Amino acid sequence: MKSTMEKAEFYLDADPETTFSGYTKGDTWNGWACPYFEKEVAEQIAEHHGEIHRYENEEEYWAEYDPDEDVFKFYDDQDEEPRTFGPVETEKGKLYAIGAFCWTWVEVED
C-alpha cells in the first residue's frame, strides 16, 4: 500500500465511460479501488449518481451535499437511511471518500 496519496482516474464498474479524477493510497475493498475526491469532483459524482441509476424512468436514486454536516448523502430505494460520506483530512487537503469500501470503483491503469 502507498503511504501517500497519488492522483488517479476512476470509474464505476457499471459505467466505464465516465471517469472522475481523484486520489488513491492504494487501498482496495474486495479487489475494488477506494478513491478519494476533492469536493468539486464529489459534487459531480453526486449529480451523476441519479443518472446512472435510472431504471424505467424511476428516480429512486439521488444524492446531495449537506453543508451543515459537511457530508454527501446518497439515497436509494433499498435503504431507509442514506449512505453518507464525510471529509477525510489528507496531505492533499480535505477529500471525500465517495463510495470507498462499498462501491465498485475501478482505477484507470496508465
N, C-alpha and C. Protein backbone atom coordinates (compact mmCIF):
# COMPACT_ATOMS: atom_id res chain seq x y z
N MET A 1 0.84 -1.19 0.00
CA MET A 1 0.00 0.00 0.00
C MET A 1 0.88 1.25 0.00
N LYS A 2 0.42 2.27 -0.70
CA LYS A 2 1.16 3.53 -0.78
C LYS A 2 0.98 4.30 0.52
N SER A 3 2.02 5.04 0.91
CA SER A 3 1.90 5.81 2.15
C SER A 3 1.38 7.22 1.89
N THR A 4 1.43 7.66 0.65
CA THR A 4 0.92 8.99 0.32
C THR A 4 -0.12 8.89 -0.78
N MET A 5 -0.90 9.93 -0.90
CA MET A 5 -1.93 9.98 -1.93
C MET A 5 -1.30 10.23 -3.29
N GLU A 6 -1.78 9.53 -4.28
CA GLU A 6 -1.35 9.73 -5.67
C GLU A 6 -2.56 10.01 -6.53
N LYS A 7 -2.41 10.93 -7.47
CA LYS A 7 -3.50 11.29 -8.37
C LYS A 7 -3.82 10.10 -9.29
N ALA A 8 -5.10 9.90 -9.55
CA ALA A 8 -5.53 8.79 -10.41
C ALA A 8 -6.92 9.11 -10.96
N GLU A 9 -7.30 8.34 -11.98
CA GLU A 9 -8.65 8.43 -12.57
C GLU A 9 -9.41 7.17 -12.18
N PHE A 10 -10.70 7.33 -11.96
CA PHE A 10 -11.53 6.22 -11.53
C PHE A 10 -12.84 6.21 -12.30
N TYR A 11 -13.42 5.02 -12.44
CA TYR A 11 -14.78 4.91 -12.97
C TYR A 11 -15.51 3.84 -12.18
N LEU A 12 -16.82 3.95 -12.18
CA LEU A 12 -17.65 2.93 -11.55
C LEU A 12 -17.77 1.75 -12.51
N ASP A 13 -17.68 0.55 -11.98
CA ASP A 13 -17.74 -0.65 -12.80
C ASP A 13 -18.96 -0.66 -13.72
N ALA A 14 -20.08 -0.13 -13.26
CA ALA A 14 -21.31 -0.11 -14.06
C ALA A 14 -21.30 0.97 -15.14
N ASP A 15 -20.32 1.87 -15.11
CA ASP A 15 -20.29 3.00 -16.05
C ASP A 15 -18.85 3.34 -16.44
N PRO A 16 -18.19 2.47 -17.22
CA PRO A 16 -16.78 2.69 -17.56
C PRO A 16 -16.53 3.89 -18.47
N GLU A 17 -17.58 4.45 -19.05
CA GLU A 17 -17.42 5.59 -19.96
C GLU A 17 -17.19 6.90 -19.22
N THR A 18 -17.54 6.96 -17.95
CA THR A 18 -17.44 8.21 -17.18
C THR A 18 -16.37 8.07 -16.11
N THR A 19 -15.31 8.88 -16.22
CA THR A 19 -14.23 8.82 -15.24
C THR A 19 -14.23 10.08 -14.37
N PHE A 20 -13.67 9.93 -13.19
CA PHE A 20 -13.56 11.02 -12.23
C PHE A 20 -12.12 11.07 -11.72
N SER A 21 -11.58 12.29 -11.63
CA SER A 21 -10.22 12.48 -11.12
C SER A 21 -10.24 12.47 -9.60
N GLY A 22 -9.35 11.68 -9.03
CA GLY A 22 -9.27 11.60 -7.59
C GLY A 22 -7.88 11.22 -7.13
N TYR A 23 -7.83 10.64 -5.96
CA TYR A 23 -6.56 10.24 -5.36
C TYR A 23 -6.70 8.83 -4.79
N THR A 24 -5.56 8.16 -4.68
CA THR A 24 -5.56 6.82 -4.10
C THR A 24 -4.35 6.66 -3.18
N LYS A 25 -4.54 5.86 -2.14
CA LYS A 25 -3.44 5.40 -1.30
C LYS A 25 -3.13 3.95 -1.63
N GLY A 26 -3.86 3.40 -2.60
CA GLY A 26 -3.68 2.01 -2.97
C GLY A 26 -4.60 1.06 -2.22
N ASP A 27 -5.49 1.61 -1.40
CA ASP A 27 -6.45 0.77 -0.67
C ASP A 27 -7.40 0.09 -1.64
N THR A 28 -7.80 -1.13 -1.31
CA THR A 28 -8.82 -1.82 -2.09
C THR A 28 -9.82 -2.46 -1.13
N TRP A 29 -10.99 -2.73 -1.65
CA TRP A 29 -12.05 -3.42 -0.92
C TRP A 29 -12.60 -4.49 -1.86
N ASN A 30 -12.44 -5.74 -1.50
CA ASN A 30 -12.86 -6.86 -2.35
C ASN A 30 -12.31 -6.74 -3.77
N GLY A 31 -11.13 -6.16 -3.89
CA GLY A 31 -10.48 -6.00 -5.19
C GLY A 31 -10.83 -4.70 -5.90
N TRP A 32 -11.74 -3.91 -5.34
CA TRP A 32 -12.15 -2.65 -5.95
C TRP A 32 -11.35 -1.50 -5.35
N ALA A 33 -11.16 -0.45 -6.14
CA ALA A 33 -10.41 0.72 -5.69
C ALA A 33 -11.21 1.49 -4.63
N CYS A 34 -10.48 2.20 -3.76
CA CYS A 34 -11.09 3.04 -2.72
C CYS A 34 -10.58 4.47 -2.90
N PRO A 35 -11.21 5.22 -3.79
CA PRO A 35 -10.71 6.55 -4.12
C PRO A 35 -11.15 7.65 -3.15
N TYR A 36 -10.44 8.77 -3.25
CA TYR A 36 -10.74 9.99 -2.51
C TYR A 36 -10.88 11.10 -3.54
N PHE A 37 -11.84 12.02 -3.31
CA PHE A 37 -12.11 13.06 -4.29
C PHE A 37 -12.17 14.44 -3.64
N GLU A 38 -11.76 15.45 -4.42
CA GLU A 38 -11.95 16.83 -3.99
C GLU A 38 -13.44 17.13 -4.03
N LYS A 39 -13.87 18.15 -3.29
CA LYS A 39 -15.30 18.44 -3.15
C LYS A 39 -15.97 18.66 -4.50
N GLU A 40 -15.33 19.38 -5.42
CA GLU A 40 -15.94 19.66 -6.72
C GLU A 40 -16.22 18.37 -7.49
N VAL A 41 -15.29 17.43 -7.42
CA VAL A 41 -15.48 16.15 -8.11
C VAL A 41 -16.55 15.33 -7.38
N ALA A 42 -16.55 15.37 -6.06
CA ALA A 42 -17.58 14.66 -5.29
C ALA A 42 -18.96 15.17 -5.67
N GLU A 43 -19.08 16.48 -5.93
CA GLU A 43 -20.36 17.04 -6.36
C GLU A 43 -20.76 16.49 -7.73
N GLN A 44 -19.78 16.31 -8.62
CA GLN A 44 -20.06 15.72 -9.94
C GLN A 44 -20.54 14.28 -9.79
N ILE A 45 -19.92 13.54 -8.89
CA ILE A 45 -20.32 12.15 -8.65
C ILE A 45 -21.74 12.11 -8.09
N ALA A 46 -22.05 13.01 -7.17
CA ALA A 46 -23.40 13.07 -6.59
C ALA A 46 -24.43 13.36 -7.68
N GLU A 47 -24.11 14.27 -8.58
CA GLU A 47 -25.03 14.59 -9.67
C GLU A 47 -25.19 13.40 -10.62
N HIS A 48 -24.10 12.72 -10.88
CA HIS A 48 -24.09 11.58 -11.80
C HIS A 48 -24.80 10.35 -11.20
N HIS A 49 -24.84 10.28 -9.88
CA HIS A 49 -25.40 9.11 -9.18
C HIS A 49 -26.82 8.80 -9.66
N GLY A 50 -27.66 9.80 -9.75
CA GLY A 50 -29.03 9.58 -10.20
C GLY A 50 -29.12 9.19 -11.66
N GLU A 51 -28.20 9.72 -12.47
CA GLU A 51 -28.22 9.44 -13.91
C GLU A 51 -27.91 7.98 -14.22
N ILE A 52 -26.94 7.40 -13.51
CA ILE A 52 -26.55 6.02 -13.84
C ILE A 52 -27.47 4.99 -13.20
N HIS A 53 -28.36 5.44 -12.33
CA HIS A 53 -29.28 4.51 -11.68
C HIS A 53 -30.73 4.76 -12.09
N ARG A 54 -30.92 5.16 -13.32
CA ARG A 54 -32.29 5.36 -13.82
C ARG A 54 -32.78 4.04 -14.41
N TYR A 55 -33.79 3.49 -13.81
CA TYR A 55 -34.37 2.25 -14.30
C TYR A 55 -35.84 2.51 -14.62
N GLU A 56 -36.18 2.42 -15.89
CA GLU A 56 -37.56 2.64 -16.32
C GLU A 56 -38.09 3.97 -15.79
N ASN A 57 -37.26 5.00 -15.90
CA ASN A 57 -37.60 6.37 -15.51
C ASN A 57 -37.91 6.56 -14.03
N GLU A 58 -37.50 5.62 -13.20
CA GLU A 58 -37.66 5.79 -11.76
C GLU A 58 -36.59 6.75 -11.26
N GLU A 59 -36.93 7.55 -10.30
CA GLU A 59 -35.95 8.48 -9.73
C GLU A 59 -35.71 8.14 -8.27
N GLU A 60 -35.43 6.90 -8.02
CA GLU A 60 -35.26 6.42 -6.66
C GLU A 60 -33.86 6.69 -6.11
N TYR A 61 -32.92 6.97 -7.00
CA TYR A 61 -31.54 7.18 -6.60
C TYR A 61 -31.21 8.65 -6.78
N TRP A 62 -30.72 9.28 -5.72
CA TRP A 62 -30.31 10.65 -5.83
C TRP A 62 -29.32 10.96 -4.71
N ALA A 63 -28.63 12.07 -4.83
CA ALA A 63 -27.61 12.42 -3.85
C ALA A 63 -27.61 13.93 -3.65
N GLU A 64 -27.09 14.33 -2.49
CA GLU A 64 -27.00 15.75 -2.18
C GLU A 64 -25.84 15.99 -1.24
N TYR A 65 -25.36 17.22 -1.24
CA TYR A 65 -24.35 17.64 -0.29
C TYR A 65 -25.07 18.36 0.86
N ASP A 66 -24.76 17.99 2.08
CA ASP A 66 -25.34 18.62 3.25
C ASP A 66 -24.28 19.52 3.89
N PRO A 67 -24.37 20.84 3.65
CA PRO A 67 -23.33 21.74 4.17
C PRO A 67 -23.30 21.82 5.69
N ASP A 68 -24.43 21.58 6.36
CA ASP A 68 -24.45 21.63 7.82
C ASP A 68 -23.60 20.52 8.43
N GLU A 69 -23.62 19.36 7.80
CA GLU A 69 -22.86 18.22 8.30
C GLU A 69 -21.56 18.00 7.53
N ASP A 70 -21.37 18.72 6.41
CA ASP A 70 -20.21 18.56 5.53
C ASP A 70 -20.08 17.10 5.08
N VAL A 71 -21.20 16.56 4.59
CA VAL A 71 -21.22 15.18 4.09
C VAL A 71 -22.02 15.12 2.80
N PHE A 72 -21.70 14.12 2.00
CA PHE A 72 -22.51 13.81 0.82
C PHE A 72 -23.42 12.65 1.21
N LYS A 73 -24.71 12.80 0.89
CA LYS A 73 -25.70 11.79 1.22
C LYS A 73 -26.22 11.17 -0.08
N PHE A 74 -26.14 9.85 -0.15
CA PHE A 74 -26.59 9.10 -1.33
C PHE A 74 -27.79 8.26 -0.95
N TYR A 75 -28.89 8.49 -1.64
CA TYR A 75 -30.16 7.83 -1.35
C TYR A 75 -30.46 6.77 -2.42
N ASP A 76 -31.10 5.69 -2.00
CA ASP A 76 -31.60 4.70 -2.95
C ASP A 76 -32.86 4.08 -2.38
N ASP A 77 -33.49 3.26 -3.18
CA ASP A 77 -34.77 2.68 -2.76
C ASP A 77 -34.59 1.42 -1.91
N GLN A 78 -33.35 1.06 -1.59
CA GLN A 78 -33.11 -0.16 -0.83
C GLN A 78 -32.87 0.11 0.65
N ASP A 79 -32.45 1.31 0.98
CA ASP A 79 -32.12 1.65 2.37
C ASP A 79 -32.97 2.83 2.83
N GLU A 80 -33.40 2.79 4.08
CA GLU A 80 -34.17 3.91 4.60
C GLU A 80 -33.29 5.13 4.84
N GLU A 81 -32.09 4.89 5.33
CA GLU A 81 -31.15 5.98 5.60
C GLU A 81 -30.16 6.10 4.45
N PRO A 82 -29.74 7.32 4.12
CA PRO A 82 -28.76 7.47 3.04
C PRO A 82 -27.38 7.01 3.49
N ARG A 83 -26.57 6.63 2.50
CA ARG A 83 -25.15 6.40 2.77
C ARG A 83 -24.49 7.76 2.81
N THR A 84 -23.71 8.00 3.84
CA THR A 84 -23.06 9.31 3.95
C THR A 84 -21.55 9.15 3.84
N PHE A 85 -20.95 10.13 3.19
CA PHE A 85 -19.50 10.16 3.03
C PHE A 85 -19.02 11.55 3.41
N GLY A 86 -18.29 11.61 4.51
CA GLY A 86 -17.77 12.88 5.00
C GLY A 86 -16.32 13.09 4.59
N PRO A 87 -15.76 14.21 5.01
CA PRO A 87 -14.40 14.55 4.62
C PRO A 87 -13.35 13.77 5.41
N VAL A 88 -12.21 13.60 4.76
CA VAL A 88 -11.04 12.98 5.37
C VAL A 88 -9.89 13.97 5.18
N GLU A 89 -9.19 14.29 6.25
CA GLU A 89 -8.03 15.17 6.12
C GLU A 89 -6.84 14.35 5.63
N THR A 90 -6.23 14.80 4.54
CA THR A 90 -5.07 14.11 3.96
C THR A 90 -3.99 15.13 3.67
N GLU A 91 -2.85 14.66 3.21
CA GLU A 91 -1.78 15.59 2.83
C GLU A 91 -2.17 16.42 1.61
N LYS A 92 -3.22 16.01 0.90
CA LYS A 92 -3.73 16.76 -0.25
C LYS A 92 -4.86 17.71 0.16
N GLY A 93 -5.14 17.79 1.45
CA GLY A 93 -6.24 18.62 1.94
C GLY A 93 -7.45 17.76 2.25
N LYS A 94 -8.60 18.41 2.33
CA LYS A 94 -9.84 17.71 2.67
C LYS A 94 -10.36 17.01 1.42
N LEU A 95 -10.51 15.68 1.52
CA LEU A 95 -11.02 14.87 0.42
C LEU A 95 -12.20 14.04 0.92
N TYR A 96 -13.04 13.62 -0.02
CA TYR A 96 -14.22 12.82 0.31
C TYR A 96 -14.06 11.44 -0.32
N ALA A 97 -14.18 10.41 0.51
CA ALA A 97 -14.01 9.02 0.06
C ALA A 97 -15.36 8.49 -0.42
N ILE A 98 -15.88 9.07 -1.51
CA ILE A 98 -17.20 8.71 -2.01
C ILE A 98 -17.18 7.25 -2.50
N GLY A 99 -17.95 6.41 -1.84
CA GLY A 99 -18.06 5.01 -2.24
C GLY A 99 -16.89 4.12 -1.87
N ALA A 100 -15.90 4.67 -1.17
CA ALA A 100 -14.75 3.85 -0.78
C ALA A 100 -15.22 2.74 0.18
N PHE A 101 -14.73 1.55 -0.02
CA PHE A 101 -15.03 0.39 0.81
C PHE A 101 -16.49 -0.07 0.72
N CYS A 102 -17.20 0.34 -0.36
CA CYS A 102 -18.57 -0.17 -0.52
C CYS A 102 -19.05 -0.10 -1.98
N TRP A 103 -18.43 0.67 -2.86
CA TRP A 103 -18.84 0.73 -4.25
C TRP A 103 -17.79 0.05 -5.12
N THR A 104 -18.16 -0.28 -6.33
CA THR A 104 -17.26 -0.99 -7.24
C THR A 104 -16.53 0.01 -8.15
N TRP A 105 -15.53 0.69 -7.57
CA TRP A 105 -14.69 1.63 -8.30
C TRP A 105 -13.53 0.88 -8.97
N VAL A 106 -13.15 1.34 -10.14
CA VAL A 106 -12.01 0.79 -10.87
C VAL A 106 -11.02 1.94 -11.11
N GLU A 107 -9.76 1.70 -10.78
CA GLU A 107 -8.72 2.69 -11.07
C GLU A 107 -8.26 2.50 -12.52
N VAL A 108 -8.22 3.59 -13.27
CA VAL A 108 -7.76 3.53 -14.66
C VAL A 108 -6.26 3.31 -14.65
N GLU A 109 -5.84 2.26 -15.35
CA GLU A 109 -4.39 1.97 -15.43
C GLU A 109 -3.75 2.80 -16.53
N ASP A 110 -2.54 3.25 -16.27
CA ASP A 110 -1.82 4.04 -17.29
C ASP A 110 -1.47 3.22 -18.50
